[in-house]
Protein backbone atom coordinates (compact mmCIF):
# COMPACT_ATOMS: atom_id res chain seq x y z
CA UNK A 1 139.69 136.80 116.83
CA UNK A 2 141.07 134.09 114.40
CA UNK A 3 142.15 131.35 117.23
CA UNK A 4 138.61 132.03 119.15
CA UNK A 5 136.64 131.45 115.96
CA UNK A 6 138.58 128.56 114.98
CA UNK A 7 138.19 126.80 118.45
CA UNK A 8 134.46 127.58 118.15
CA UNK A 9 134.22 125.93 114.58
CA UNK A 10 136.18 122.69 115.98
CA UNK A 11 133.77 122.27 118.71
CA UNK A 12 130.79 122.46 116.69
CA UNK A 13 128.95 119.44 115.40
CA UNK A 14 126.78 119.36 112.23
CA UNK A 15 124.22 116.54 111.89
CA UNK A 16 121.47 116.19 109.45
CA UNK A 17 118.28 114.91 110.83
CA UNK A 18 115.11 113.77 109.10
CA UNK A 19 111.72 115.86 109.91
CA UNK A 20 108.68 113.80 109.53
CA UNK A 21 106.07 115.37 107.52
CA UNK A 22 102.57 116.03 108.96
CA UNK A 23 99.94 113.58 108.23
CA UNK A 24 96.68 114.79 106.35
CA UNK A 25 93.54 115.04 107.98
CA UNK A 26 90.47 112.58 107.76
CA UNK A 27 87.14 114.68 107.10
CA UNK A 28 83.58 113.82 107.07
CA UNK A 29 81.42 114.44 104.09
CA UNK A 30 80.59 118.08 105.39
CA UNK A 31 84.26 118.92 106.17
CA UNK A 32 84.41 117.97 109.89
CA UNK A 33 87.75 116.76 111.19
CA UNK A 34 87.64 113.11 111.94
CA UNK A 35 91.35 112.39 112.53
CA UNK A 36 94.00 115.22 112.96
CA UNK A 37 97.30 115.80 114.39
CA UNK A 38 98.45 116.96 117.58
CA UNK A 39 102.13 118.36 118.43
CA UNK A 40 103.95 117.47 121.50
CA UNK A 41 107.70 117.36 122.57
CA UNK A 42 110.13 114.60 123.42
CA UNK A 43 112.99 115.32 125.24
CA UNK A 44 116.26 114.02 124.44
CA UNK A 45 119.10 113.82 127.07
CA UNK A 46 122.95 113.53 125.85
CA UNK A 47 124.80 112.76 128.93
CA UNK A 48 128.15 113.05 126.89
CA UNK A 49 127.33 116.85 126.19
CA UNK A 50 126.42 117.85 129.76
CA UNK A 51 130.02 118.36 131.08
CA UNK A 52 131.44 116.99 133.99
CA UNK A 53 129.83 114.95 136.71
CA UNK A 54 128.88 117.86 138.87
CA UNK A 55 127.71 120.02 135.77
CA UNK A 56 125.83 117.18 134.79
CA UNK A 57 124.13 116.91 137.97
CA UNK A 58 123.32 120.43 138.22
CA UNK A 59 121.43 120.54 134.97
CA UNK A 60 119.44 117.43 135.93
CA UNK A 61 118.34 118.89 139.10
CA UNK A 62 117.54 122.16 137.18
CA UNK A 63 115.49 120.32 134.88
CA UNK A 64 113.53 118.47 137.45
CA UNK A 65 113.11 121.60 139.32
CA UNK A 66 111.83 123.35 136.51
CA UNK A 67 109.51 120.51 135.32
CA UNK A 68 108.05 120.33 138.79
CA UNK A 69 107.37 124.33 139.08
CA UNK A 70 105.52 123.80 135.85
CA UNK A 71 103.51 120.95 136.92
CA UNK A 72 105.21 118.31 134.52
CA UNK A 73 106.03 114.75 136.54
CA UNK A 74 109.48 113.90 135.81
CA UNK A 75 111.70 111.75 137.99
CA UNK A 76 115.16 112.50 136.34
CA UNK A 77 115.15 109.35 134.01
CA UNK A 78 113.02 108.23 131.12
CA UNK A 79 110.96 110.45 128.78
CA UNK A 80 109.40 113.87 130.14
CA UNK A 81 105.54 113.37 129.25
CA UNK A 82 103.30 116.24 128.42
CA UNK A 83 106.11 118.82 127.91
CA UNK A 84 104.35 122.24 128.09
CA UNK A 85 105.27 125.39 126.30
CA UNK A 86 106.20 127.32 129.01
CA UNK A 87 108.69 124.46 130.57
CA UNK A 88 110.18 124.65 126.90
CA UNK A 89 110.81 128.38 126.74
CA UNK A 90 112.18 128.26 130.56
CA UNK A 91 114.60 125.39 129.38
CA UNK A 92 115.66 127.29 126.50
CA UNK A 93 116.27 130.38 128.67
CA UNK A 94 118.39 128.20 131.10
CA UNK A 95 120.52 127.12 128.25
CA UNK A 96 120.84 123.56 130.00
CA UNK A 97 123.65 121.65 127.73
CA UNK A 98 122.63 118.13 126.51
CA UNK A 99 118.79 118.87 126.74
CA UNK A 100 117.15 118.95 123.21
CA UNK A 101 113.50 119.16 122.64
CA UNK A 102 112.03 117.47 119.28
CA UNK A 103 108.49 118.04 117.96
CA UNK A 104 106.34 114.89 117.83
CA UNK A 105 103.33 114.69 115.92
CA UNK A 106 100.61 112.37 117.54
CA UNK A 107 97.55 111.23 115.57
CA UNK A 108 94.21 111.99 117.29
CA UNK A 109 91.13 110.60 116.38
CA UNK A 110 87.71 110.36 117.90
CA UNK A 111 87.96 107.98 120.40
CA UNK A 112 85.00 105.77 120.37
CA UNK A 113 83.62 106.89 117.20
CA UNK A 114 84.16 104.70 114.35
CA UNK A 115 87.27 103.48 115.36
CA UNK A 116 87.25 100.56 113.09
CA UNK A 117 86.51 102.88 109.87
CA UNK A 118 89.17 105.42 110.71
CA UNK A 119 91.82 102.98 111.63
CA UNK A 120 94.88 103.74 113.43
CA UNK A 121 98.65 104.45 112.75
CA UNK A 122 101.75 102.62 114.07
CA UNK A 123 104.99 101.47 113.72
CA UNK A 124 105.99 99.44 110.62
CA UNK A 125 106.13 95.51 110.76
CA UNK A 126 109.16 93.84 108.83
CA UNK A 127 106.77 92.95 106.29
CA UNK A 128 105.41 96.57 105.70
CA UNK A 129 108.95 97.86 105.84
CA UNK A 130 110.00 95.82 102.44
CA UNK A 131 107.04 97.71 100.92
CA UNK A 132 107.36 101.11 102.34
CA UNK A 133 111.15 101.31 102.53
CA UNK A 134 111.39 100.98 98.66
CA UNK A 135 108.77 103.90 98.54
CA UNK A 136 111.51 106.26 100.52
CA UNK A 137 110.06 105.81 104.04
CA UNK A 138 112.21 106.13 106.92
CA UNK A 139 112.45 102.89 109.32
CA UNK A 140 110.68 105.03 112.12
CA UNK A 141 107.90 106.40 109.93
CA UNK A 142 104.19 105.86 111.24
CA UNK A 143 101.90 104.18 108.92
CA UNK A 144 98.18 103.32 108.54
CA UNK A 145 97.43 100.00 110.01
CA UNK A 146 93.98 99.47 109.28
CA UNK A 147 90.56 101.28 108.47
CA UNK A 148 90.72 104.60 106.34
CA UNK A 149 94.47 105.08 107.40
CA UNK A 150 95.84 102.27 105.76
CA UNK A 151 93.64 102.53 102.62
CA UNK A 152 94.40 105.86 102.02
CA UNK A 153 98.08 105.67 103.33
CA UNK A 154 99.54 106.81 99.64
CA UNK A 155 97.36 110.14 99.96
CA UNK A 156 97.71 110.80 103.77
CA UNK A 157 101.55 110.43 104.13
CA UNK A 158 103.53 113.11 103.11
CA UNK A 159 107.08 113.74 102.30
CA UNK A 160 109.71 114.05 105.17
CA UNK A 161 112.14 116.72 104.82
CA UNK A 162 115.87 117.25 106.12
CA UNK A 163 117.25 119.71 108.43
CA UNK A 164 120.84 120.68 109.22
CA UNK A 165 121.43 121.17 112.81
CA UNK A 166 124.84 122.65 114.32
CA UNK A 167 125.28 122.37 118.04
CA UNK A 168 128.21 123.57 120.32
CA UNK A 169 130.56 121.42 122.51
CA UNK A 170 127.56 121.88 125.19
CA UNK A 171 125.26 120.37 122.89
CA UNK A 172 123.25 123.77 122.43
CA UNK A 173 121.74 124.40 119.08
CA UNK A 174 123.82 127.19 117.70
CA UNK A 175 121.99 126.99 113.83
CA UNK A 176 119.43 125.08 111.90
CA UNK A 177 118.23 125.33 108.25
CA UNK A 178 116.26 123.15 106.21
CA UNK A 179 118.03 121.12 103.43
CA UNK A 180 114.55 119.97 102.29
CA UNK A 181 111.42 121.08 103.89
CA UNK A 182 108.98 118.50 104.53
CA UNK A 183 105.82 118.36 102.59
CA UNK A 184 102.34 117.54 104.57
CA UNK A 185 100.07 114.75 103.22
CA UNK A 186 96.93 115.54 101.64
CA UNK A 187 93.50 115.62 103.63
CA UNK A 188 90.81 112.73 102.67
CA UNK A 189 87.17 113.27 102.75
CA UNK A 190 85.06 110.33 103.46
CA UNK A 191 81.48 109.68 102.67
CA UNK A 192 80.68 109.20 106.47
CA UNK A 193 78.23 111.79 108.15
CA UNK A 194 79.38 112.83 111.53
CA UNK A 195 76.25 113.56 112.77
CA UNK A 196 74.59 110.39 111.39
CA UNK A 197 77.48 108.13 112.77
CA UNK A 198 76.89 109.67 115.90
CA UNK A 199 73.52 108.86 115.82
CA UNK A 200 73.88 105.45 114.55
CA UNK A 201 76.60 104.59 117.43
CA UNK A 202 73.86 105.62 120.10
CA UNK A 203 71.08 103.87 118.29
CA UNK A 204 72.86 100.70 118.40
CA UNK A 205 74.49 101.01 121.68
CA UNK A 206 71.02 101.61 122.97
CA UNK A 207 69.43 98.64 121.75
CA UNK A 208 72.19 96.17 122.67
CA UNK A 209 71.91 97.44 126.11
CA UNK A 210 68.27 96.51 125.96
CA UNK A 211 69.08 93.05 124.82
CA UNK A 212 71.76 91.74 127.32
CA UNK A 213 71.61 88.29 125.62
CA UNK A 214 73.06 89.93 122.46
CA UNK A 215 77.02 89.73 122.03
CA UNK A 216 76.92 92.48 119.46
CA UNK A 217 75.64 94.08 116.42
CA UNK A 218 76.41 96.17 113.35
CA UNK A 219 74.78 98.98 111.45
CA UNK A 220 75.46 100.41 108.10
CA UNK A 221 73.70 103.50 106.47
CA UNK A 222 74.00 103.96 102.66
CA UNK A 223 73.26 106.87 100.37
CA UNK A 224 70.68 105.32 98.01
CA UNK A 225 71.78 107.73 95.17
CA UNK A 226 75.46 106.70 95.21
CA UNK A 227 76.00 103.81 97.52
CA UNK A 228 78.43 106.01 99.61
CA UNK A 229 78.46 104.71 103.37
CA UNK A 230 77.01 107.61 105.62
CA UNK A 231 77.44 105.67 108.84
CA UNK A 232 79.08 102.27 109.62
CA UNK A 233 79.21 101.17 113.41
CA UNK A 234 80.47 97.65 115.06
CA UNK A 235 79.81 97.04 118.51
CA UNK A 236 81.28 96.27 120.87
CA UNK A 237 84.03 98.52 120.08
CA UNK A 238 87.07 100.32 121.44
CA UNK A 239 88.75 103.49 122.16
CA UNK A 240 91.10 104.51 119.77
CA UNK A 241 92.92 106.77 122.10
CA UNK A 242 93.63 103.90 124.64
CA UNK A 243 94.17 101.03 121.73
CA UNK A 244 97.69 100.46 122.83
CA UNK A 245 97.26 100.45 126.35
CA UNK A 246 94.19 98.10 125.98
CA UNK A 247 95.29 95.98 123.27
CA UNK A 248 95.95 92.50 125.29
CA UNK A 249 92.31 92.92 126.99
CA UNK A 250 90.72 93.72 123.59
CA UNK A 251 92.55 90.63 121.77
CA UNK A 252 91.35 88.32 124.62
CA UNK A 253 87.85 89.53 124.68
CA UNK A 254 85.33 86.89 123.38
CA UNK A 255 82.93 89.52 122.41
CA UNK A 256 85.71 90.40 119.46
CA UNK A 257 85.83 94.03 119.71
CA UNK A 258 88.70 94.42 117.28
CA UNK A 259 86.41 92.98 114.48
CA UNK A 260 84.45 95.18 112.22
CA UNK A 261 81.12 93.27 112.01
CA UNK A 262 79.85 95.37 109.34
CA UNK A 263 82.48 94.12 106.51
CA UNK A 264 84.13 90.95 108.60
CA UNK A 265 81.25 89.14 110.26
CA UNK A 266 79.65 86.27 108.65
CA UNK A 267 76.07 86.06 108.85
CA UNK A 268 73.41 83.99 107.06
CA UNK A 269 71.35 86.35 104.87
CA UNK A 270 67.97 84.90 105.71
CA UNK A 271 64.84 86.18 103.76
CA UNK A 272 66.87 89.43 102.56
CA UNK A 273 68.21 87.12 99.90
CA UNK A 274 65.11 86.15 98.60
CA UNK A 275 65.34 89.73 96.66
CA UNK A 276 68.34 88.34 94.73
CA UNK A 277 66.71 85.15 93.54
CA UNK A 278 63.13 87.35 92.72
CA UNK A 279 65.43 89.87 90.73
CA UNK A 280 66.96 86.86 89.06
CA UNK A 281 63.89 85.00 88.21
CA UNK A 282 62.32 88.06 86.83
CA UNK A 283 65.34 88.89 84.68
CA UNK A 284 65.05 85.65 82.99
CA UNK A 285 61.34 85.82 82.42
């Protein structure tokens, strides 16, 4: 069978692809998960490996039909959203050429709970690439943009791996092996207390609702023993889950929901500053 194996070997294509590392979790002081990862699948269609026009059309129609049967909306163009495990399995069984699924890890926070403190991740800016590129990051890597995600980037970001993927002439994967396995990032434990943060959010929200003339407010609770931040609230805030979609409206909002009033707001200290002058006077006799 030498000629047959030779033909198969020539038709196969081996590619090295980067495998992103799972980002570390962000936990509260009691170990409750504040930010985690959720795996979804991205569908890639390689038209050049779908065969002749008739075969290509048949494959696309089959994918559309399978998606419809599994309750996944897809028109035949663009990305396939919310790929279900059943759709993934059925496409694999059908062996549709030119159709591949890639796992994608999405960052999942707590929505409206402490979005300013926890922060978010996003694509690198050109300025950030100059820094992270020198540290071995790939250009499409997600990095912490603000909050704890940015402050603890060095801990949360893992080490990506590399995988050798071999495909046949139809684009079907025939073998895959790791040249270097990805190393997950480390978890980070904050001083925040989930329950106290929730209570603080509700308390400040209720206060602002009863004072409609107020434009916003901040609330911070500290551990008197070590100064650890148990709760930090800034309102109005935003929903971390819809940040990208709502960004234009959030940026134009005169109430400045993107600003963390607890650490970025400028306020006259008032009589609280008398403690500082009194302490100075006592120290100086």
